[in-house]
PDB file of N, CA and C in Angstrom:
ATOM      1  N   UNK A   1      60.206  37.013  45.460  1.00  0.00           N
ATOM      2  CA  UNK A   1      58.839  36.598  44.693  1.00  0.00           C
ATOM      3  C   UNK A   1      58.668  37.488  43.829  1.00  0.00           C
ATOM      4  N   UNK A   2      57.558  37.332  43.268  1.00  0.00           N
ATOM      5  CA  UNK A   2      56.822  38.207  42.200  1.00  0.00           C
ATOM      6  C   UNK A   2      55.615  38.579  42.278  1.00  0.00           C
ATOM      7  N   UNK A   3      55.004  39.449  41.696  1.00  0.00           N
ATOM      8  CA  UNK A   3      53.596  40.023  42.181  1.00  0.00           C
ATOM      9  C   UNK A   3      52.441  39.003  42.284  1.00  0.00           C
ATOM     10  N   UNK A   4      52.521  38.186  41.154  1.00  0.00           N
ATOM     11  CA  UNK A   4      51.653  37.329  40.994  1.00  0.00           C
ATOM     12  C   UNK A   4      51.652  36.082  41.784  1.00  0.00           C
ATOM     13  N   UNK A   5      52.572  35.677  42.082  1.00  0.00           N
ATOM     14  CA  UNK A   5      52.626  34.342  43.112  1.00  0.00           C
ATOM     15  C   UNK A   5      53.331  34.402  44.288  1.00  0.00           C
ATOM     16  N   UNK A   6      54.335  35.463  44.599  1.00  0.00           N
ATOM     17  CA  UNK A   6      55.021  35.706  45.783  1.00  0.00           C
ATOM     18  C   UNK A   6      56.310  34.457  45.723  1.00  0.00           C
ATOM     19  N   UNK A   7      56.736  34.148  46.770  1.00  0.00           N
ATOM     20  CA  UNK A   7      58.058  33.394  47.037  1.00  0.00           C
ATOM     21  C   UNK A   7      57.558  32.057  46.669  1.00  0.00           C
ATOM     22  N   UNK A   8      58.353  31.366  45.638  1.00  0.00           N
ATOM     23  CA  UNK A   8      58.202  29.802  45.779  1.00  0.00           C
ATOM     24  C   UNK A   8      58.594  28.944  47.054  1.00  0.00           C
ATOM     25  N   UNK A   9      58.246  27.697  47.280  1.00  0.00           N
ATOM     26  CA  UNK A   9      58.466  26.972  48.344  1.00  0.00           C
ATOM     27  C   UNK A   9      59.737  26.859  48.427  1.00  0.00           C
ATOM     28  N   UNK A  10      60.765  26.657  47.258  1.00  0.00           N
ATOM     29  CA  UNK A  10      62.081  26.544  47.532  1.00  0.00           C
ATOM     30  C   UNK A  10      62.768  27.939  48.052  1.00  0.00           C
ATOM     31  N   UNK A  11      61.913  29.129  47.702  1.00  0.00           N
ATOM     32  CA  UNK A  11      62.820  30.295  48.263  1.00  0.00           C
ATOM     33  C   UNK A  11      62.385  30.376  49.726  1.00  0.00           C
ATOM     34  N   UNK A  12      61.193  30.143  49.954  1.00  0.00           N
ATOM     35  CA  UNK A  12      60.797  30.210  51.551  1.00  0.00           C
ATOM     36  C   UNK A  12      61.545  29.326  52.212  1.00  0.00           C
ATOM     37  N   UNK A  13      61.891  28.197  52.049  1.00  0.00           N
ATOM     38  CA  UNK A  13      62.635  27.048  52.714  1.00  0.00           C
ATOM     39  C   UNK A  13      63.988  27.513  52.825  1.00  0.00           C
ATOM     40  N   UNK A  14      64.499  28.496  52.316  1.00  0.00           N
ATOM     41  CA  UNK A  14      65.832  29.139  52.594  1.00  0.00           C
ATOM     42  C   UNK A  14      65.899  30.238  53.322  1.00  0.00           C
ATOM     43  N   UNK A  15      64.711  30.688  54.035  1.00  0.00           N
ATOM     44  CA  UNK A  15      64.637  32.051  54.479  1.00  0.00           C
ATOM     45  C   UNK A  15      64.765  31.576  56.202  1.00  0.00           C
ATOM     46  N   UNK A  16      65.521  32.426  56.826  1.00  0.00           N
ATOM     47  CA  UNK A  16      65.772  32.310  58.208  1.00  0.00           C
ATOM     48  C   UNK A  16      64.400  33.088  58.905  1.00  0.00           C
ATOM     49  N   UNK A  17      64.051  34.185  58.346  1.00  0.00           N
ATOM     50  CA  UNK A  17      62.917  34.721  58.853  1.00  0.00           C
ATOM     51  C   UNK A  17      61.976  35.549  57.549  1.00  0.00           C
ATOM     52  N   UNK A  18      60.847  35.908  57.891  1.00  0.00           N
ATOM     53  CA  UNK A  18      59.952  36.327  56.873  1.00  0.00           C
ATOM     54  C   UNK A  18      59.290  37.619  57.292  1.00  0.00           C
ATOM     55  N   UNK A  19      59.659  38.570  56.649  1.00  0.00           N
ATOM     56  CA  UNK A  19      59.029  39.960  57.132  1.00  0.00           C
ATOM     57  C   UNK A  19      58.230  40.586  55.464  1.00  0.00           C
ATOM     58  N   UNK A  20      57.104  41.368  56.111  1.00  0.00           N
ATOM     59  CA  UNK A  20      56.428  42.010  55.118  1.00  0.00           C
ATOM     60  C   UNK A  20      56.234  43.257  55.335  1.00  0.00           C
ATOM     61  N   UNK A  21      55.804  44.138  54.565  1.00  0.00           N
ATOM     62  CA  UNK A  21      55.340  45.474  54.407  1.00  0.00           C
ATOM     63  C   UNK A  21      53.768  45.460  54.329  1.00  0.00           C
ATOM     64  N   UNK A  22      53.243  45.868  55.454  1.00  0.00           N
ATOM     65  CA  UNK A  22      51.555  45.772  55.252  1.00  0.00           C
ATOM     66  C   UNK A  22      51.073  46.716  54.359  1.00  0.00           C
ATOM     67  N   UNK A  23      50.211  46.442  53.704  1.00  0.00           N
ATOM     68  CA  UNK A  23      49.529  47.084  52.583  1.00  0.00           C
ATOM     69  C   UNK A  23      48.126  47.754  53.306  1.00  0.00           C
ATOM     70  N   UNK A  24      48.045  49.072  53.216  1.00  0.00           N
ATOM     71  CA  UNK A  24      46.896  49.497  53.549  1.00  0.00           C
ATOM     72  C   UNK A  24      45.760  50.224  52.766  1.00  0.00           C
ATOM     73  N   UNK A  25      46.008  49.731  51.752  1.00  0.00           N
ATOM     74  CA  UNK A  25      45.056  50.180  50.465  1.00  0.00           C
ATOM     75  C   UNK A  25      45.033  48.815  49.433  1.00  0.00           C
ATOM     76  N   UNK A  26      43.871  48.921  48.728  1.00  0.00           N
ATOM     77  CA  UNK A  26      43.538  47.786  47.890  1.00  0.00           C
ATOM     78  C   UNK A  26      44.409  48.217  46.426  1.00  0.00           C
ATOM     79  N   UNK A  27      44.750  49.439  46.349  1.00  0.00           N
ATOM     80  CA  UNK A  27      45.363  50.167  45.220  1.00  0.00           C
ATOM     81  C   UNK A  27      46.676  49.325  44.563  1.00  0.00           C
ATOM     82  N   UNK A  28      47.228  48.578  45.424  1.00  0.00           N
ATOM     83  CA  UNK A  28      48.539  47.615  45.114  1.00  0.00           C
ATOM     84  C   UNK A  28      48.529  46.608  46.110  1.00  0.00           C
ATOM     85  N   UNK A  29      48.837  45.239  45.386  1.00  0.00           N
ATOM     86  CA  UNK A  29      49.163  44.013  46.018  1.00  0.00           C
ATOM     87  C   UNK A  29      50.629  43.841  46.391  1.00  0.00           C
ATOM     88  N   UNK A  30      51.419  44.542  46.187  1.00  0.00           N
ATOM     89  CA  UNK A  30      52.917  44.370  46.263  1.00  0.00           C
ATOM     90  C   UNK A  30      53.710  45.822  45.963  1.00  0.00           C
ATOM     91  N   UNK A  31      55.067  45.747  46.519  1.00  0.00           N
ATOM     92  CA  UNK A  31      55.843  46.774  46.032  1.00  0.00           C
ATOM     93  C   UNK A  31      57.255  46.327  45.550  1.00  0.00           C
ATOM     94  N   UNK A  32      57.593  47.039  44.796  1.00  0.00           N
ATOM     95  CA  UNK A  32      58.783  47.127  44.221  1.00  0.00           C
ATOM     96  C   UNK A  32      59.915  46.628  45.085  1.00  0.00           C
ATOM     97  N   UNK A  33      60.965  45.941  44.990  1.00  0.00           N
ATOM     98  CA  UNK A  33      61.912  45.184  45.952  1.00  0.00           C
ATOM     99  C   UNK A  33      62.533  46.376  46.362  1.00  0.00           C
ATOM    100  N   UNK A  34      63.120  47.481  45.684  1.00  0.00           N
ATOM    101  CA  UNK A  34      63.583  48.685  46.204  1.00  0.00           C
ATOM    102  C   UNK A  34      63.028  49.530  47.372  1.00  0.00           C
ATOM    103  N   UNK A  35      61.575  49.672  46.998  1.00  0.00           N
ATOM    104  CA  UNK A  35      60.893  50.544  47.693  1.00  0.00           C
ATOM    105  C   UNK A  35      60.786  49.695  49.034  1.00  0.00           C
ATOM    106  N   UNK A  36      60.348  48.288  48.926  1.00  0.00           N
ATOM    107  CA  UNK A  36      60.114  47.650  50.155  1.00  0.00           C
ATOM    108  C   UNK A  36      61.350  47.333  51.287  1.00  0.00           C
ATOM    109  N   UNK A  37      62.701  47.549  50.460  1.00  0.00           N
ATOM    110  CA  UNK A  37      63.966  47.229  51.187  1.00  0.00           C
ATOM    111  C   UNK A  37      63.902  48.737  51.939  1.00  0.00           C
ATOM    112  N   UNK A  38      63.661  49.802  51.226  1.00  0.00           N
ATOM    113  CA  UNK A  38      63.895  51.055  51.867  1.00  0.00           C
ATOM    114  C   UNK A  38      63.104  51.291  53.004  1.00  0.00           C
ATOM    115  N   UNK A  39      61.809  50.769  52.955  1.00  0.00           N
ATOM    116  CA  UNK A  39      60.952  50.931  53.834  1.00  0.00           C
ATOM    117  C   UNK A  39      61.420  50.008  55.155  1.00  0.00           C
ATOM    118  N   UNK A  40      61.791  48.744  54.783  1.00  0.00           N
ATOM    119  CA  UNK A  40      62.361  47.877  56.211  1.00  0.00           C
ATOM    120  C   UNK A  40      63.612  48.425  56.544  1.00  0.00           C
ATOM    121  N   UNK A  41      64.436  48.912  55.852  1.00  0.00           N
ATOM    122  CA  UNK A  41      65.789  49.357  56.481  1.00  0.00           C
ATOM    123  C   UNK A  41      65.553  50.812  57.413  1.00  0.00           C
ATOM    124  N   UNK A  42      64.602  51.518  56.864  1.00  0.00           N
ATOM    125  CA  UNK A  42      64.525  52.694  57.569  1.00  0.00           C
ATOM    126  C   UNK A  42      63.500  52.017  58.971  1.00  0.00           C
ATOM    127  N   UNK A  43      62.558  51.380  58.876  1.00  0.00           N
ATOM    128  CA  UNK A  43      62.145  50.714  60.213  1.00  0.00           C
ATOM    129  C   UNK A  43      63.008  50.232  61.166  1.00  0.00           C
ATOM    130  N   UNK A  44      64.241  49.164  60.429  1.00  0.00           N
ATOM    131  CA  UNK A  44      65.052  48.881  61.422  1.00  0.00           C
ATOM    132  C   UNK A  44      65.997  50.060  61.994  1.00  0.00           C
ATOM    133  N   UNK A  45      66.301  50.852  61.228  1.00  0.00           N
ATOM    134  CA  UNK A  45      67.319  51.787  61.683  1.00  0.00           C
ATOM    135  C   UNK A  45      66.491  52.513  62.876  1.00  0.00           C
ATOM    136  N   UNK A  46      65.337  53.110  62.759  1.00  0.00           N
ATOM    137  CA  UNK A  46      64.402  53.684  63.643  1.00  0.00           C
ATOM    138  C   UNK A  46      64.327  52.663  64.923  1.00  0.00           C
ATOM    139  N   UNK A  47      63.947  51.486  64.780  1.00  0.00           N
ATOM    140  CA  UNK A  47      64.140  50.431  65.748  1.00  0.00           C
ATOM    141  C   UNK A  47      65.492  50.274  66.658  1.00  0.00           C
ATOM    142  N   UNK A  48      66.693  50.506  65.846  1.00  0.00           N
ATOM    143  CA  UNK A  48      67.902  50.244  66.275  1.00  0.00           C
ATOM    144  C   UNK A  48      68.421  51.394  66.859  1.00  0.00           C
ATOM    145  N   UNK A  49      67.664  52.745  66.779  1.00  0.00           N
ATOM    146  CA  UNK A  49      68.074  53.988  67.329  1.00  0.00           C
ATOM    147  C   UNK A  49      69.735  54.326  66.493  1.00  0.00           C
ATOM    148  N   UNK A  50      69.545  53.936  65.285  1.00  0.00           N
ATOM    149  CA  UNK A  50      70.765  54.629  64.598  1.00  0.00           C
ATOM    150  C   UNK A  50      70.633  56.246  64.675  1.00  0.00           C
ATOM    151  N   UNK A  51      72.075  56.636  64.825  1.00  0.00           N
ATOM    152  CA  UNK A  51      71.690  58.305  64.509  1.00  0.00           C
ATOM    153  C   UNK A  51      71.510  58.697  63.062  1.00  0.00           C
ATOM    154  N   UNK A  52      70.973  59.579  62.690  1.00  0.00           N
ATOM    155  CA  UNK A  52      70.731  60.205  61.442  1.00  0.00           C
ATOM    156  C   UNK A  52      72.213  60.501  60.966  1.00  0.00           C
ATOM    157  N   UNK A  53      72.366  60.631  59.559  1.00  0.00           N
ATOM    158  CA  UNK A  53      73.619  60.815  58.856  1.00  0.00           C
ATOM    159  C   UNK A  53      73.514  62.620  59.213  1.00  0.00           C
ATOM    160  N   UNK A  54      74.875  63.031  59.241  1.00  0.00           N
ATOM    161  CA  UNK A  54      74.803  64.515  59.478  1.00  0.00           C
ATOM    162  C   UNK A  54      74.271  65.145  58.079  1.00  0.00           C
ATOM    163  N   UNK A  55      73.897  66.484  58.057  1.00  0.00           N
ATOM    164  CA  UNK A  55      73.596  67.139  56.859  1.00  0.00           C
ATOM    165  C   UNK A  55      73.860  68.416  56.932  1.00  0.00           C
ATOM    166  N   UNK A  56      74.234  69.137  55.952  1.00  0.00           N
ATOM    167  CA  UNK A  56      74.300  70.471  55.492  1.00  0.00           C
ATOM    168  C   UNK A  56      72.915  71.089  54.797  1.00  0.00           C
ATOM    169  N   UNK A  57      72.357  71.698  55.570  1.00  0.00           N
ATOM    170  CA  UNK A  57      71.053  72.172  54.823  1.00  0.00           C
ATOM    171  C   UNK A  57      70.289  70.825  54.544  1.00  0.00           C
ATOM    172  N   UNK A  58      69.747  70.770  53.246  1.00  0.00           N
ATOM    173  CA  UNK A  58      68.971  69.657  52.999  1.00  0.00           C
ATOM    174  C   UNK A  58      69.892  68.547  52.272  1.00  0.00           C
ATOM    175  N   UNK A  59      71.253  68.697  52.454  1.00  0.00           N
ATOM    176  CA  UNK A  59      72.244  67.669  51.807  1.00  0.00           C
ATOM    177  C   UNK A  59      72.828  67.146  52.717  1.00  0.00           C
ATOM    178  N   UNK A  60      72.745  65.553  52.655  1.00  0.00           N
ATOM    179  CA  UNK A  60      73.472  64.781  53.279  1.00  0.00           C
ATOM    180  C   UNK A  60      74.986  64.979  53.448  1.00  0.00           C
ATOM    181  N   UNK A  61      75.823  64.861  54.167  1.00  0.00           N
ATOM    182  CA  UNK A  61      77.323  64.745  53.933  1.00  0.00           C
ATOM    183  C   UNK A  61      77.776  63.390  53.506  1.00  0.00           C
ATOM    184  N   UNK A  62      78.464  63.148  52.640  1.00  0.00           N
ATOM    185  CA  UNK A  62      78.918  61.782  52.282  1.00  0.00           C
ATOM    186  C   UNK A  62      80.538  61.662  52.480  1.00  0.00           C
ATOM    187  N   UNK A  63      80.970  60.605  52.404  1.00  0.00           N
ATOM    188  CA  UNK A  63      82.181  60.205  52.465  1.00  0.00           C
ATOM    189  C   UNK A  63      82.564  59.277  51.051  1.00  0.00           C
ATOM    190  N   UNK A  64      83.821  59.396  50.578  1.00  0.00           N
ATOM    191  CA  UNK A  64      84.231  58.628  49.473  1.00  0.00           C
ATOM    192  C   UNK A  64      84.541  57.203  50.269  1.00  0.00           C
ATOM    193  N   UNK A  65      83.960  56.207  49.539  1.00  0.00           N
ATOM    194  CA  UNK A  65      83.969  54.918  49.909  1.00  0.00           C
ATOM    195  C   UNK A  65      85.538  54.299  49.333  1.00  0.00           C
ATOM    196  N   UNK A  66      86.370  53.886  50.369  1.00  0.00           N
ATOM    197  CA  UNK A  66      87.446  53.237  50.005  1.00  0.00           C
ATOM    198  C   UNK A  66      87.389  52.059  49.762  1.00  0.00           C
ATOM    199  N   UNK A  67      86.364  51.417  49.821  1.00  0.00           N
ATOM    200  CA  UNK A  67      86.012  49.777  49.274  1.00  0.00           C
ATOM    201  C   UNK A  67      84.982  49.598  48.446  1.00  0.00           C
ATOM    202  N   UNK A  68      85.363  48.788  47.649  1.00  0.00           N
ATOM    203  CA  UNK A  68      84.267  48.297  46.635  1.00  0.00           C
ATOM    204  C   UNK A  68      83.346  47.108  47.177  1.00  0.00           C
ATOM    205  N   UNK A  69      83.651  46.735  48.326  1.00  0.00           N
ATOM    206  CA  UNK A  69      82.860  45.485  49.318  1.00  0.00           C
ATOM    207  C   UNK A  69      82.211  46.169  50.119  1.00  0.00           C
ATOM    208  N   UNK A  70      80.740  45.771  50.621  1.00  0.00           N
ATOM    209  CA  UNK A  70      80.299  46.392  51.475  1.00  0.00           C
ATOM    210  C   UNK A  70      80.976  45.715  52.935  1.00  0.00           C
ATOM    211  N   UNK A  71      80.588  46.244  53.843  1.00  0.00           N
ATOM    212  CA  UNK A  71      80.810  45.883  55.459  1.00  0.00           C
ATOM    213  C   UNK A  71      81.228  44.403  55.634  1.00  0.00           C
ATOM    214  N   UNK A  72      79.894  43.683  55.181  1.00  0.00           N
ATOM    215  CA  UNK A  72      79.953  42.409  55.516  1.00  0.00           C
ATOM    216  C   UNK A  72      80.850  41.510  54.805  1.00  0.00           C
ATOM    217  N   UNK A  73      81.401  42.124  53.750  1.00  0.00           N
ATOM    218  CA  UNK A  73      82.602  41.642  52.772  1.00  0.00           C
ATOM    219  C   UNK A  73      81.727  40.379  51.776  1.00  0.00           C
ATOM    220  N   UNK A  74      80.647  41.012  51.591  1.00  0.00           N
ATOM    221  CA  UNK A  74      79.743  39.972  50.732  1.00  0.00           C
ATOM    222  C   UNK A  74      79.640  40.895  49.447  1.00  0.00           C
ATOM    223  N   UNK A  75      80.444  40.580  48.332  1.00  0.00           N
ATOM    224  CA  UNK A  75      80.154  41.376  47.130  1.00  0.00           C
ATOM    225  C   UNK A  75      79.753  40.598  46.062  1.00  0.00           C
ATOM    226  N   UNK A  76      79.627  41.070  44.760  1.00  0.00           N
ATOM    227  CA  UNK A  76      78.866  40.372  43.831  1.00  0.00           C
ATOM    228  C   UNK A  76      79.404  38.923  43.852  1.00  0.00           C
ATOM    229  N   UNK A  77      80.786  38.840  43.730  1.00  0.00           N
ATOM    230  CA  UNK A  77      81.197  37.326  43.274  1.00  0.00           C
ATOM    231  C   UNK A  77      80.581  36.263  44.301  1.00  0.00           C
ATOM    232  N   UNK A  78      80.297  36.819  45.440  1.00  0.00           N
ATOM    233  CA  UNK A  78      79.780  35.819  46.507  1.00  0.00           C
ATOM    234  C   UNK A  78      78.124  35.864  46.242  1.00  0.00           C
ATOM    235  N   UNK A  79      77.435  36.528  45.753  1.00  0.00           N
ATOM    236  CA  UNK A  79      75.955  36.475  45.556  1.00  0.00           C
ATOM    237  C   UNK A  79      75.782  35.518  44.446  1.00  0.00           C
ATOM    238  N   UNK A  80      74.611  34.815  44.726  1.00  0.00           N
ATOM    239  CA  UNK A  80      74.052  33.834  43.650  1.00  0.00           C
ATOM    240  C   UNK A  80      72.679  34.390  42.889  1.00  0.00           C
ATOM    241  N   UNK A  81      72.314  33.860  41.909  1.00  0.00           N
ATOM    242  CA  UNK A  81      71.045  33.978  41.194  1.00  0.00           C
ATOM    243  C   UNK A  81      70.320  32.825  41.387  1.00  0.00           C
ATOM    244  N   UNK A  82      68.930  32.990  41.261  1.00  0.00           N
ATOM    245  CA  UNK A  82      67.949  31.715  41.396  1.00  0.00           C
ATOM    246  C   UNK A  82      67.188  31.742  40.122  1.00  0.00           C
ATOM    247  N   UNK A  83      66.998  30.640  39.611  1.00  0.00           N
ATOM    248  CA  UNK A  83      66.248  30.040  38.658  1.00  0.00           C
ATOM    249  C   UNK A  83      64.688  30.366  39.178  1.00  0.00           C
ATOM    250  N   UNK A  84      63.722  30.469  38.111  1.00  0.00           N
ATOM    251  CA  UNK A  84      62.150  30.602  38.451  1.00  0.00           C
ATOM    252  C   UNK A  84      61.735  29.633  39.512  1.00  0.00           C
ATOM    253  N   UNK A  85      62.326  28.402  39.493  1.00  0.00           N
ATOM    254  CA  UNK A  85      61.918  27.463  40.414  1.00  0.00           C
ATOM    255  C   UNK A  85      62.528  27.524  41.913  1.00  0.00           C
ATOM    256  N   UNK A  86      63.492  28.749  42.204  1.00  0.00           N
ATOM    257  CA  UNK A  86      63.914  28.996  43.383  1.00  0.00           C
ATOM    258  C   UNK A  86      65.281  28.427  43.735  1.00  0.00           C
ATOM    259  N   UNK A  87      65.574  27.409  42.581  1.00  0.00           N
ATOM    260  CA  UNK A  87      67.013  26.577  42.710  1.00  0.00           C
ATOM    261  C   UNK A  87      67.979  27.617  42.505  1.00  0.00           C
ATOM    262  N   UNK A  88      69.316  27.403  42.628  1.00  0.00           N
ATOM    263  CA  UNK A  88      70.482  28.343  42.471  1.00  0.00           C
ATOM    264  C   UNK A  88      71.168  28.061  41.189  1.00  0.00           C
ATOM    265  N   UNK A  89      71.298  29.145  40.259  1.00  0.00           N
ATOM    266  CA  UNK A  89      71.862  28.973  39.098  1.00  0.00           C
ATOM    267  C   UNK A  89      73.387  29.078  39.418  1.00  0.00           C
ATOM    268  N   UNK A  90      73.936  27.764  38.455  1.00  0.00           N
ATOM    269  CA  UNK A  90      75.083  27.359  38.948  1.00  0.00           C
ATOM    270  C   UNK A  90      76.135  28.296  37.778  1.00  0.00           C
ATOM    271  N   UNK A  91      77.168  28.918  38.393  1.00  0.00           N
ATOM    272  CA  UNK A  91      78.047  29.843  37.849  1.00  0.00           C
ATOM    273  C   UNK A  91      78.614  29.330  36.338  1.00  0.00           C
ATOM    274  N   UNK A  92      78.431  29.997  35.401  1.00  0.00           N
ATOM    275  CA  UNK A  92      78.910  29.579  33.961  1.00  0.00           C
ATOM    276  C   UNK A  92      77.723  28.684  33.351  1.00  0.00           C
ATOM    277  N   UNK A  93      76.606  28.604  33.927  1.00  0.00           N
ATOM    278  CA  UNK A  93      75.463  27.928  33.347  1.00  0.00           C
ATOM    279  C   UNK A  93      74.479  28.498  32.844  1.00  0.00           C
ATOM    280  N   UNK A  94      73.559  28.146  32.121  1.00  0.00           N
ATOM    281  CA  UNK A  94      72.457  28.956  31.631  1.00  0.00           C
ATOM    282  C   UNK A  94      71.144  28.358  32.470  1.00  0.00           C
ATOM    283  N   UNK A  95      70.302  29.580  32.774  1.00  0.00           N
ATOM    284  CA  UNK A  95      68.812  29.262  33.178  1.00  0.00           C
ATOM    285  C   UNK A  95      67.974  28.732  32.142  1.00  0.00           C
ATOM    286  N   UNK A  96      66.924  28.647  32.488  1.00  0.00           N
ATOM    287  CA  UNK A  96      65.822  28.299  31.570  1.00  0.00           C
ATOM    288  C   UNK A  96      65.447  29.116  30.598  1.00  0.00           C
ATOM    289  N   UNK A  97      65.966  30.277  30.777  1.00  0.00           N
ATOM    290  CA  UNK A  97      65.470  31.366  29.690  1.00  0.00           C
ATOM    291  C   UNK A  97      66.876  31.817  28.971  1.00  0.00           C
ATOM    292  N   UNK A  98      67.919  30.949  29.197  1.00  0.00           N
ATOM    293  CA  UNK A  98      68.931  30.967  28.272  1.00  0.00           C
ATOM    294  C   UNK A  98      70.228  32.230  28.691  1.00  0.00           C
ATOM    295  N   UNK A  99      69.636  32.702  29.761  1.00  0.00           N
ATOM    296  CA  UNK A  99      70.529  33.746  30.249  1.00  0.00           C
ATOM    297  C   UNK A  99      71.650  33.173  30.954  1.00  0.00           C
ATOM    298  N   UNK A 100      72.956  33.691  30.787  1.00  0.00           N
ATOM    299  CA  UNK A 100      74.203  33.088  31.568  1.00  0.00           C
ATOM    300  C   UNK A 100      74.471  33.750  32.775  1.00  0.00           C
ATOM    301  N   UNK A 101      74.954  33.269  33.726  1.00  0.00           N
ATOM    302  CA  UNK A 101      75.285  33.849  34.949  1.00  0.00           C
ATOM    303  C   UNK A 101      76.779  34.226  35.229  1.00  0.00           C
ATOM    304  N   UNK A 102      77.384  34.283  34.003  1.00  0.00           N
ATOM    305  CA  UNK A 102      78.998  34.521  34.095  1.00  0.00           C
ATOM    306  C   UNK A 102      79.178  35.922  34.108  1.00  0.00           C
ATOM    307  N   UNK A 103      80.268  36.524  34.794  1.00  0.00           N
ATOM    308  CA  UNK A 103      80.215  37.658  35.095  1.00  0.00           C
ATOM    309  C   UNK A 103      81.112  38.381  34.073  1.00  0.00           C
TER     310      UNK A 103
END
Protein backbone atom coordinates (compact mmCIF):
# COMPACT_ATOMS: atom_id res chain seq x y z
CA UNK A 1 0.00 0.00 0.00
CA UNK A 2 0.96 3.61 0.12
CA UNK A 3 0.79 6.26 2.80
CA UNK A 4 -2.22 8.04 1.35
CA UNK A 5 -4.56 5.25 0.32
CA UNK A 6 -3.17 2.04 1.82
CA UNK A 7 -3.72 -1.23 -0.02
CA UNK A 8 -5.97 -1.35 -3.07
CA UNK A 9 -8.95 -3.74 -3.18
CA UNK A 10 -7.12 -6.08 -5.67
CA UNK A 11 -4.10 -6.19 -3.34
CA UNK A 12 -6.29 -6.96 -0.32
CA UNK A 13 -8.11 -9.67 -2.31
CA UNK A 14 -4.90 -11.71 -2.73
CA UNK A 15 -3.91 -11.50 0.95
CA UNK A 16 -4.29 -14.62 3.09
CA UNK A 17 -3.96 -12.62 6.30
CA UNK A 18 -3.74 -8.97 7.24
CA UNK A 19 -1.39 -7.66 9.92
CA UNK A 20 -0.66 -4.13 10.98
CA UNK A 21 1.71 -2.32 13.29
CA UNK A 22 -0.31 -0.26 15.79
CA UNK A 23 0.51 3.44 15.84
CA UNK A 24 0.73 5.02 19.30
CA UNK A 25 1.19 8.61 18.24
CA UNK A 26 -0.38 11.03 15.79
CA UNK A 27 3.14 11.91 14.60
CA UNK A 28 2.96 9.40 11.75
CA UNK A 29 0.23 7.51 9.92
CA UNK A 30 2.42 4.82 8.39
CA UNK A 31 5.81 3.15 8.47
CA UNK A 32 8.38 2.46 5.79
CA UNK A 33 7.96 -1.14 4.60
CA UNK A 34 11.45 -2.04 5.90
CA UNK A 35 10.69 -0.68 9.36
CA UNK A 36 7.29 -2.39 9.46
CA UNK A 37 8.80 -5.69 8.30
CA UNK A 38 11.51 -5.54 10.97
CA UNK A 39 8.92 -4.98 13.68
CA UNK A 40 6.69 -7.81 12.45
CA UNK A 41 9.61 -10.24 12.10
CA UNK A 42 10.88 -9.33 15.58
CA UNK A 43 7.47 -10.02 17.11
CA UNK A 44 7.16 -13.28 15.17
CA UNK A 45 10.62 -14.46 16.29
CA UNK A 46 9.74 -13.60 19.90
CA UNK A 47 6.37 -15.38 19.64
CA UNK A 48 8.00 -18.44 18.02
CA UNK A 49 10.72 -18.45 20.72
CA UNK A 50 13.52 -18.43 18.16
CA UNK A 51 16.89 -18.39 19.90
CA UNK A 52 18.93 -15.23 19.47
CA UNK A 53 21.88 -15.53 17.07
CA UNK A 54 25.27 -15.89 18.78
CA UNK A 55 27.35 -12.76 19.42
CA UNK A 56 30.91 -11.91 20.22
CA UNK A 57 30.65 -8.75 22.28
CA UNK A 58 28.26 -6.45 20.44
CA UNK A 59 28.79 -8.10 17.03
CA UNK A 60 26.66 -10.97 15.73
CA UNK A 61 28.56 -13.95 14.38
CA UNK A 62 27.61 -14.54 10.74
CA UNK A 63 28.19 -17.34 8.28
CA UNK A 64 28.93 -16.89 4.60
CA UNK A 65 25.87 -17.87 2.59
CA UNK A 66 26.39 -20.69 0.13
CA UNK A 67 23.18 -19.97 -1.76
CA UNK A 68 21.81 -16.95 -3.57
CA UNK A 69 18.26 -18.22 -2.97
CA UNK A 70 16.45 -17.88 0.33
CA UNK A 71 15.48 -21.09 2.11
CA UNK A 72 12.00 -20.83 0.65
CA UNK A 73 13.53 -21.37 -2.80
CA UNK A 74 11.74 -18.25 -3.99
CA UNK A 75 14.22 -15.94 -5.67
CA UNK A 76 13.94 -12.73 -7.65
CA UNK A 77 12.82 -14.58 -10.78
CA UNK A 78 9.75 -15.92 -8.98
CA UNK A 79 8.72 -12.53 -7.58
CA UNK A 80 6.22 -10.33 -9.38
CA UNK A 81 5.67 -6.58 -9.51
CA UNK A 82 2.28 -4.93 -9.17
CA UNK A 83 0.80 -2.10 -11.21
CA UNK A 84 -0.71 0.85 -9.30
CA UNK A 85 -4.15 -0.82 -9.62
CA UNK A 86 -2.83 -3.99 -7.95
CA UNK A 87 -2.71 -6.14 -11.10
CA UNK A 88 0.44 -8.17 -11.81
CA UNK A 89 2.95 -6.66 -14.27
CA UNK A 90 3.56 -9.19 -17.04
CA UNK A 91 7.23 -10.00 -17.59
CA UNK A 92 8.73 -8.06 -20.49
CA UNK A 93 5.77 -5.66 -20.55
CA UNK A 94 5.65 -2.06 -19.40
CA UNK A 95 3.41 -0.71 -16.68
CA UNK A 96 1.53 2.60 -16.91
CA UNK A 97 4.66 4.57 -15.92
CA UNK A 98 6.65 3.07 -18.82
CA UNK A 99 8.92 1.04 -16.55
CA UNK A 100 9.83 -2.39 -17.86
CA UNK A 101 9.80 -5.49 -15.66
CA UNK A 102 12.67 -7.10 -17.59
CA UNK A 103 15.62 -8.25 -15.51
